[in-house]
Amino acid sequence: MNRFEGPGSKEARIRYLDGDFQVMTPGSFVRCAITGESIPLDELKYWSVARQEPYVSAAVSLQREIDVNPDLRRRGRP
């Protein structure tokens, strides 16, 4: 059993804000919008306010931004 299974553990519903988030439905974790991995609320650091999506890491967040905004690939290149 992983640490998110068992009695009392359920997925939270979150409203993502600039620099903070608001718990709409209590729970102990959210799922990464890209990988599906569970993210404990006390470890949640990366999300998109515009898309209302949580991400498991900075790398996943960056990849999502690049996927949504392909022009970002060309930035910094001559």
PDB file of N, CA and C in Angstrom:
ATOM      1  N   MET A   1       0.848  -1.179   0.000  1.00  0.00           N
ATOM      2  CA  MET A   1       0.000   0.000   0.000  1.00  0.00           C
ATOM      3  C   MET A   1       0.891   1.238   0.000  1.00  0.00           C
ATOM      4  N   ASN A   2       0.598   2.193  -0.879  1.00  0.00           N
ATOM      5  CA  ASN A   2       1.389   3.427  -0.858  1.00  0.00           C
ATOM      6  C   ASN A   2       0.818   4.381   0.181  1.00  0.00           C
ATOM      7  N   ARG A   3       1.508   5.487   0.406  1.00  0.00           N
ATOM      8  CA  ARG A   3       1.106   6.360   1.502  1.00  0.00           C
ATOM      9  C   ARG A   3      -0.184   7.127   1.255  1.00  0.00           C
ATOM     10  N   PHE A   4      -0.753   7.030   0.056  1.00  0.00           N
ATOM     11  CA  PHE A   4      -1.998   7.724  -0.227  1.00  0.00           C
ATOM     12  C   PHE A   4      -3.204   6.799  -0.194  1.00  0.00           C
ATOM     13  N   GLU A   5      -2.971   5.531   0.045  1.00  0.00           N
ATOM     14  CA  GLU A   5      -4.070   4.589   0.106  1.00  0.00           C
ATOM     15  C   GLU A   5      -4.484   4.391   1.547  1.00  0.00           C
ATOM     16  N   GLY A   6      -5.698   3.911   1.718  1.00  0.00           N
ATOM     17  CA  GLY A   6      -6.154   3.615   3.060  1.00  0.00           C
ATOM     18  C   GLY A   6      -7.229   4.585   3.504  1.00  0.00           C
ATOM     19  N   PRO A   7      -7.733   4.377   4.699  1.00  0.00           N
ATOM     20  CA  PRO A   7      -8.836   5.202   5.186  1.00  0.00           C
ATOM     21  C   PRO A   7      -8.437   6.661   5.351  1.00  0.00           C
ATOM     22  N   GLY A   8      -9.328   7.528   4.942  1.00  0.00           N
ATOM     23  CA  GLY A   8      -9.106   8.956   5.127  1.00  0.00           C
ATOM     24  C   GLY A   8      -8.276   9.639   4.066  1.00  0.00           C
ATOM     25  N   SER A   9      -7.621   8.881   3.200  1.00  0.00           N
ATOM     26  CA  SER A   9      -6.823   9.541   2.171  1.00  0.00           C
ATOM     27  C   SER A   9      -7.644   9.672   0.902  1.00  0.00           C
ATOM     28  N   LYS A  10      -7.829  10.900   0.488  1.00  0.00           N
ATOM     29  CA  LYS A  10      -8.550  11.121  -0.764  1.00  0.00           C
ATOM     30  C   LYS A  10      -7.955  12.324  -1.462  1.00  0.00           C
ATOM     31  N   GLU A  11      -8.270  12.424  -2.728  1.00  0.00           N
ATOM     32  CA  GLU A  11      -7.747  13.514  -3.542  1.00  0.00           C
ATOM     33  C   GLU A  11      -8.473  14.814  -3.209  1.00  0.00           C
ATOM     34  N   ALA A  12      -7.698  15.861  -3.009  1.00  0.00           N
ATOM     35  CA  ALA A  12      -8.252  17.182  -2.727  1.00  0.00           C
ATOM     36  C   ALA A  12      -8.650  17.860  -4.041  1.00  0.00           C
ATOM     37  N   ARG A  13      -9.581  18.773  -3.944  1.00  0.00           N
ATOM     38  CA  ARG A  13      -9.928  19.638  -5.074  1.00  0.00           C
ATOM     39  C   ARG A  13      -9.403  21.023  -4.724  1.00  0.00           C
ATOM     40  N   ILE A  14      -8.602  21.575  -5.608  1.00  0.00           N
ATOM     41  CA  ILE A  14      -7.856  22.804  -5.321  1.00  0.00           C
ATOM     42  C   ILE A  14      -8.170  23.893  -6.333  1.00  0.00           C
ATOM     43  N   ARG A  15      -8.214  25.123  -5.869  1.00  0.00           N
ATOM     44  CA  ARG A  15      -8.258  26.303  -6.751  1.00  0.00           C
ATOM     45  C   ARG A  15      -6.868  26.919  -6.677  1.00  0.00           C
ATOM     46  N   TYR A  16      -6.175  26.957  -7.805  1.00  0.00           N
ATOM     47  CA  TYR A  16      -4.798  27.444  -7.858  1.00  0.00           C
ATOM     48  C   TYR A  16      -4.780  28.945  -8.071  1.00  0.00           C
ATOM     49  N   LEU A  17      -4.069  29.639  -7.206  1.00  0.00           N
ATOM     50  CA  LEU A  17      -3.971  31.092  -7.232  1.00  0.00           C
ATOM     51  C   LEU A  17      -2.515  31.491  -7.470  1.00  0.00           C
ATOM     52  N   ASP A  18      -2.271  32.772  -7.644  1.00  0.00           N
ATOM     53  CA  ASP A  18      -0.898  33.273  -7.792  1.00  0.00           C
ATOM     54  C   ASP A  18      -0.175  33.134  -6.459  1.00  0.00           C
ATOM     55  N   GLY A  19       0.801  32.221  -6.401  1.00  0.00           N
ATOM     56  CA  GLY A  19       1.609  32.056  -5.208  1.00  0.00           C
ATOM     57  C   GLY A  19       0.945  31.331  -4.052  1.00  0.00           C
ATOM     58  N   ASP A  20      -0.256  30.819  -4.255  1.00  0.00           N
ATOM     59  CA  ASP A  20      -0.978  30.134  -3.194  1.00  0.00           C
ATOM     60  C   ASP A  20      -2.058  29.266  -3.828  1.00  0.00           C
ATOM     61  N   PHE A  21      -2.709  28.479  -3.014  1.00  0.00           N
ATOM     62  CA  PHE A  21      -3.847  27.713  -3.500  1.00  0.00           C
ATOM     63  C   PHE A  21      -4.897  27.625  -2.410  1.00  0.00           C
ATOM     64  N   GLN A  22      -6.121  27.388  -2.830  1.00  0.00           N
ATOM     65  CA  GLN A  22      -7.250  27.301  -1.909  1.00  0.00           C
ATOM     66  C   GLN A  22      -7.846  25.898  -2.010  1.00  0.00           C
ATOM     67  N   VAL A  23      -7.980  25.240  -0.872  1.00  0.00           N
ATOM     68  CA  VAL A  23      -8.556  23.902  -0.842  1.00  0.00           C
ATOM     69  C   VAL A  23     -10.070  24.035  -0.921  1.00  0.00           C
ATOM     70  N   MET A  24     -10.650  23.506  -1.989  1.00  0.00           N
ATOM     71  CA  MET A  24     -12.101  23.561  -2.188  1.00  0.00           C
ATOM     72  C   MET A  24     -12.772  22.335  -1.569  1.00  0.00           C
ATOM     73  N   THR A  25     -12.143  21.173  -1.740  1.00  0.00           N
ATOM     74  CA  THR A  25     -12.616  19.927  -1.143  1.00  0.00           C
ATOM     75  C   THR A  25     -11.419  19.298  -0.437  1.00  0.00           C
ATOM     76  N   PRO A  26     -11.520  19.098   0.875  1.00  0.00           N
ATOM     77  CA  PRO A  26     -10.380  18.565   1.628  1.00  0.00           C
ATOM     78  C   PRO A  26      -9.910  17.206   1.115  1.00  0.00           C
ATOM     79  N   GLY A  27      -8.627  17.000   1.229  1.00  0.00           N
ATOM     80  CA  GLY A  27      -7.988  15.754   0.850  1.00  0.00           C
ATOM     81  C   GLY A  27      -6.523  15.836   1.216  1.00  0.00           C
ATOM     82  N   SER A  28      -5.796  14.764   0.995  1.00  0.00           N
ATOM     83  CA  SER A  28      -4.397  14.745   1.393  1.00  0.00           C
ATOM     84  C   SER A  28      -3.435  14.942   0.223  1.00  0.00           C
ATOM     85  N   PHE A  29      -3.949  14.884  -1.015  1.00  0.00           N
ATOM     86  CA  PHE A  29      -3.070  14.985  -2.176  1.00  0.00           C
ATOM     87  C   PHE A  29      -3.837  15.450  -3.400  1.00  0.00           C
ATOM     88  N   VAL A  30      -3.067  15.813  -4.448  1.00  0.00           N
ATOM     89  CA  VAL A  30      -3.612  16.075  -5.786  1.00  0.00           C
ATOM     90  C   VAL A  30      -2.796  15.234  -6.757  1.00  0.00           C
ATOM     91  N   ARG A  31      -3.281  15.090  -7.971  1.00  0.00           N
ATOM     92  CA  ARG A  31      -2.561  14.324  -8.986  1.00  0.00           C
ATOM     93  C   ARG A  31      -1.971  15.276 -10.026  1.00  0.00           C
ATOM     94  N   CYS A  32      -0.726  15.015 -10.384  1.00  0.00           N
ATOM     95  CA  CYS A  32      -0.065  15.796 -11.427  1.00  0.00           C
ATOM     96  C   CYS A  32      -0.883  15.687 -12.710  1.00  0.00           C
ATOM     97  N   ALA A  33      -1.148  16.826 -13.331  1.00  0.00           N
ATOM     98  CA  ALA A  33      -1.955  16.860 -14.553  1.00  0.00           C
ATOM     99  C   ALA A  33      -1.294  16.140 -15.714  1.00  0.00           C
ATOM    100  N   ILE A  34       0.022  15.978 -15.679  1.00  0.00           N
ATOM    101  CA  ILE A  34       0.744  15.373 -16.786  1.00  0.00           C
ATOM    102  C   ILE A  34       1.106  13.919 -16.509  1.00  0.00           C
ATOM    103  N   THR A  35       1.696  13.654 -15.352  1.00  0.00           N
ATOM    104  CA  THR A  35       2.185  12.307 -15.052  1.00  0.00           C
ATOM    105  C   THR A  35       1.179  11.438 -14.305  1.00  0.00           C
ATOM    106  N   GLY A  36       0.213  12.068 -13.647  1.00  0.00           N
ATOM    107  CA  GLY A  36      -0.751  11.317 -12.841  1.00  0.00           C
ATOM    108  C   GLY A  36      -0.220  10.940 -11.468  1.00  0.00           C
ATOM    109  N   GLU A  37       1.016  11.339 -11.164  1.00  0.00           N
ATOM    110  CA  GLU A  37       1.599  11.029  -9.853  1.00  0.00           C
ATOM    111  C   GLU A  37       0.871  11.790  -8.748  1.00  0.00           C
ATOM    112  N   SER A  38       0.780  11.174  -7.585  1.00  0.00           N
ATOM    113  CA  SER A  38       0.198  11.822  -6.417  1.00  0.00           C
ATOM    114  C   SER A  38       1.185  12.818  -5.835  1.00  0.00           C
ATOM    115  N   ILE A  39       0.672  13.991  -5.465  1.00  0.00           N
ATOM    116  CA  ILE A  39       1.488  15.031  -4.851  1.00  0.00           C
ATOM    117  C   ILE A  39       0.850  15.380  -3.508  1.00  0.00           C
ATOM    118  N   PRO A  40       1.520  15.090  -2.395  1.00  0.00           N
ATOM    119  CA  PRO A  40       0.979  15.493  -1.095  1.00  0.00           C
ATOM    120  C   PRO A  40       0.808  17.010  -1.056  1.00  0.00           C
ATOM    121  N   LEU A  41      -0.269  17.492  -0.449  1.00  0.00           N
ATOM    122  CA  LEU A  41      -0.515  18.932  -0.422  1.00  0.00           C
ATOM    123  C   LEU A  41       0.635  19.700   0.208  1.00  0.00           C
ATOM    124  N   ASP A  42       1.291  19.124   1.204  1.00  0.00           N
ATOM    125  CA  ASP A  42       2.397  19.840   1.836  1.00  0.00           C
ATOM    126  C   ASP A  42       3.657  19.860   0.975  1.00  0.00           C
ATOM    127  N   GLU A  43       3.649  19.160  -0.156  1.00  0.00           N
ATOM    128  CA  GLU A  43       4.775  19.174  -1.089  1.00  0.00           C
ATOM    129  C   GLU A  43       4.419  19.841  -2.422  1.00  0.00           C
ATOM    130  N   LEU A  44       3.204  20.341  -2.554  1.00  0.00           N
ATOM    131  CA  LEU A  44       2.747  20.972  -3.799  1.00  0.00           C
ATOM    132  C   LEU A  44       3.420  22.330  -3.980  1.00  0.00           C
ATOM    133  N   LYS A  45       4.217  22.455  -5.044  1.00  0.00           N
ATOM    134  CA  LYS A  45       4.972  23.689  -5.304  1.00  0.00           C
ATOM    135  C   LYS A  45       4.753  24.249  -6.700  1.00  0.00           C
ATOM    136  N   TYR A  46       4.295  23.427  -7.629  1.00  0.00           N
ATOM    137  CA  TYR A  46       4.223  23.845  -9.041  1.00  0.00           C
ATOM    138  C   TYR A  46       2.815  23.666  -9.580  1.00  0.00           C
ATOM    139  N   TRP A  47       2.283  24.725 -10.186  1.00  0.00           N
ATOM    140  CA  TRP A  47       0.961  24.657 -10.802  1.00  0.00           C
ATOM    141  C   TRP A  47       0.797  25.792 -11.792  1.00  0.00           C
ATOM    142  N   SER A  48      -0.243  25.682 -12.599  1.00  0.00           N
ATOM    143  CA  SER A  48      -0.602  26.736 -13.545  1.00  0.00           C
ATOM    144  C   SER A  48      -1.920  27.349 -13.103  1.00  0.00           C
ATOM    145  N   VAL A  49      -1.904  28.646 -12.869  1.00  0.00           N
ATOM    146  CA  VAL A  49      -3.139  29.352 -12.525  1.00  0.00           C
ATOM    147  C   VAL A  49      -4.060  29.374 -13.748  1.00  0.00           C
ATOM    148  N   ALA A  50      -3.496  29.651 -14.910  1.00  0.00           N
ATOM    149  CA  ALA A  50      -4.289  29.759 -16.137  1.00  0.00           C
ATOM    150  C   ALA A  50      -5.001  28.454 -16.485  1.00  0.00           C
ATOM    151  N   ARG A  51      -4.301  27.326 -16.325  1.00  0.00           N
ATOM    152  CA  ARG A  51      -4.883  26.024 -16.682  1.00  0.00           C
ATOM    153  C   ARG A  51      -5.447  25.271 -15.483  1.00  0.00           C
ATOM    154  N   GLN A  52      -5.204  25.802 -14.266  1.00  0.00           N
ATOM    155  CA  GLN A  52      -5.658  25.156 -13.038  1.00  0.00           C
ATOM    156  C   GLN A  52      -5.179  23.699 -12.981  1.00  0.00           C
ATOM    157  N   GLU A  53      -3.864  23.531 -13.203  1.00  0.00           N
ATOM    158  CA  GLU A  53      -3.237  22.206 -13.216  1.00  0.00           C
ATOM    159  C   GLU A  53      -2.063  22.157 -12.244  1.00  0.00           C
ATOM    160  N   PRO A  54      -1.948  21.088 -11.444  1.00  0.00           N
ATOM    161  CA  PRO A  54      -0.764  20.899 -10.607  1.00  0.00           C
ATOM    162  C   PRO A  54       0.285  20.062 -11.328  1.00  0.00           C
ATOM    163  N   TYR A  55       1.550  20.259 -10.964  1.00  0.00           N
ATOM    164  CA  TYR A  55       2.650  19.507 -11.562  1.00  0.00           C
ATOM    165  C   TYR A  55       3.558  18.963 -10.468  1.00  0.00           C
ATOM    166  N   VAL A  56       4.110  17.794 -10.711  1.00  0.00           N
ATOM    167  CA  VAL A  56       4.930  17.108  -9.716  1.00  0.00           C
ATOM    168  C   VAL A  56       6.315  17.730  -9.563  1.00  0.00           C
ATOM    169  N   SER A  57       6.816  18.434 -10.581  1.00  0.00           N
ATOM    170  CA  SER A  57       8.163  19.013 -10.512  1.00  0.00           C
ATOM    171  C   SER A  57       8.266  20.229 -11.433  1.00  0.00           C
ATOM    172  N   ALA A  58       9.362  20.966 -11.252  1.00  0.00           N
ATOM    173  CA  ALA A  58       9.626  22.121 -12.109  1.00  0.00           C
ATOM    174  C   ALA A  58       9.843  21.677 -13.556  1.00  0.00           C
ATOM    175  N   ALA A  59      10.516  20.542 -13.736  1.00  0.00           N
ATOM    176  CA  ALA A  59      10.781  20.037 -15.093  1.00  0.00           C
ATOM    177  C   ALA A  59       9.481  19.711 -15.820  1.00  0.00           C
ATOM    178  N   VAL A  60       8.547  19.090 -15.118  1.00  0.00           N
ATOM    179  CA  VAL A  60       7.247  18.754 -15.730  1.00  0.00           C
ATOM    180  C   VAL A  60       6.471  20.032 -16.040  1.00  0.00           C
ATOM    181  N   SER A  61       6.526  21.002 -15.134  1.00  0.00           N
ATOM    182  CA  SER A  61       5.853  22.285 -15.350  1.00  0.00           C
ATOM    183  C   SER A  61       6.412  22.998 -16.584  1.00  0.00           C
ATOM    184  N   LEU A  62       7.740  23.026 -16.702  1.00  0.00           N
ATOM    185  CA  LEU A  62       8.378  23.659 -17.862  1.00  0.00           C
ATOM    186  C   LEU A  62       8.004  22.945 -19.156  1.00  0.00           C
ATOM    187  N   GLN A  63       8.033  21.630 -19.136  1.00  0.00           N
ATOM    188  CA  GLN A  63       7.681  20.878 -20.342  1.00  0.00           C
ATOM    189  C   GLN A  63       6.250  21.170 -20.766  1.00  0.00           C
ATOM    190  N   ARG A  64       5.337  21.274 -19.803  1.00  0.00           N
ATOM    191  CA  ARG A  64       3.940  21.597 -20.113  1.00  0.00           C
ATOM    192  C   ARG A  64       3.841  22.984 -20.752  1.00  0.00           C
ATOM    193  N   GLU A  65       4.577  23.956 -20.201  1.00  0.00           N
ATOM    194  CA  GLU A  65       4.580  25.304 -20.781  1.00  0.00           C
ATOM    195  C   GLU A  65       5.079  25.286 -22.215  1.00  0.00           C
ATOM    196  N   ILE A  66       6.130  24.532 -22.467  1.00  0.00           N
ATOM    197  CA  ILE A  66       6.679  24.437 -23.822  1.00  0.00           C
ATOM    198  C   ILE A  66       5.690  23.743 -24.750  1.00  0.00           C
ATOM    199  N   ASP A  67       5.027  22.704 -24.257  1.00  0.00           N
ATOM    200  CA  ASP A  67       4.032  22.007 -25.075  1.00  0.00           C
ATOM    201  C   ASP A  67       2.871  22.928 -25.453  1.00  0.00           C
ATOM    202  N   VAL A  68       2.453  23.764 -24.518  1.00  0.00           N
ATOM    203  CA  VAL A  68       1.321  24.669 -24.749  1.00  0.00           C
ATOM    204  C   VAL A  68       1.746  25.893 -25.555  1.00  0.00           C
ATOM    205  N   ASN A  69       2.997  26.323 -25.364  1.00  0.00           N
ATOM    206  CA  ASN A  69       3.525  27.518 -26.034  1.00  0.00           C
ATOM    207  C   ASN A  69       4.798  27.162 -26.806  1.00  0.00           C
ATOM    208  N   PRO A  70       4.694  26.534 -27.978  1.00  0.00           N
ATOM    209  CA  PRO A  70       5.878  26.091 -28.723  1.00  0.00           C
ATOM    210  C   PRO A  70       6.883  27.203 -29.032  1.00  0.00           C
ATOM    211  N   ASP A  71       6.431  28.452 -29.073  1.00  0.00           N
ATOM    212  CA  ASP A  71       7.355  29.565 -29.337  1.00  0.00           C
ATOM    213  C   ASP A  71       8.415  29.692 -28.248  1.00  0.00           C
ATOM    214  N   LEU A  72       8.163  29.151 -27.065  1.00  0.00           N
ATOM    215  CA  LEU A  72       9.156  29.206 -25.985  1.00  0.00           C
ATOM    216  C   LEU A  72      10.418  28.433 -26.338  1.00  0.00           C
ATOM    217  N   ARG A  73      10.312  27.453 -27.213  1.00  0.00           N
ATOM    218  CA  ARG A  73      11.484  26.674 -27.640  1.00  0.00           C
ATOM    219  C   ARG A  73      12.506  27.564 -28.343  1.00  0.00           C
ATOM    220  N   ARG A  74      12.023  28.571 -29.045  1.00  0.00           N
ATOM    221  CA  ARG A  74      12.902  29.414 -29.847  1.00  0.00           C
ATOM    222  C   ARG A  74      13.500  30.578 -29.063  1.00  0.00           C
ATOM    223  N   ARG A  75      13.015  30.838 -27.870  1.00  0.00           N
ATOM    224  CA  ARG A  75      13.541  31.963 -27.084  1.00  0.00           C
ATOM    225  C   ARG A  75      14.992  31.719 -26.719  1.00  0.00           C
ATOM    226  N   GLY A  76      15.769  32.769 -26.821  1.00  0.00           N
ATOM    227  CA  GLY A  76      17.182  32.683 -26.481  1.00  0.00           C
ATOM    228  C   GLY A  76      18.047  32.169 -27.609  1.00  0.00           C
ATOM    229  N   ARG A  77      17.416  31.794 -28.715  1.00  0.00           N
ATOM    230  CA  ARG A  77      18.169  31.333 -29.883  1.00  0.00           C
ATOM    231  C   ARG A  77      18.157  32.416 -30.945  1.00  0.00           C
ATOM    232  N   PRO A  78      19.256  32.612 -31.631  1.00  0.00           N
ATOM    233  CA  PRO A  78      19.303  33.651 -32.678  1.00  0.00           C
ATOM    234  C   PRO A  78      18.441  33.295 -33.873  1.00  0.00           C
TER     235      PRO A  78
END
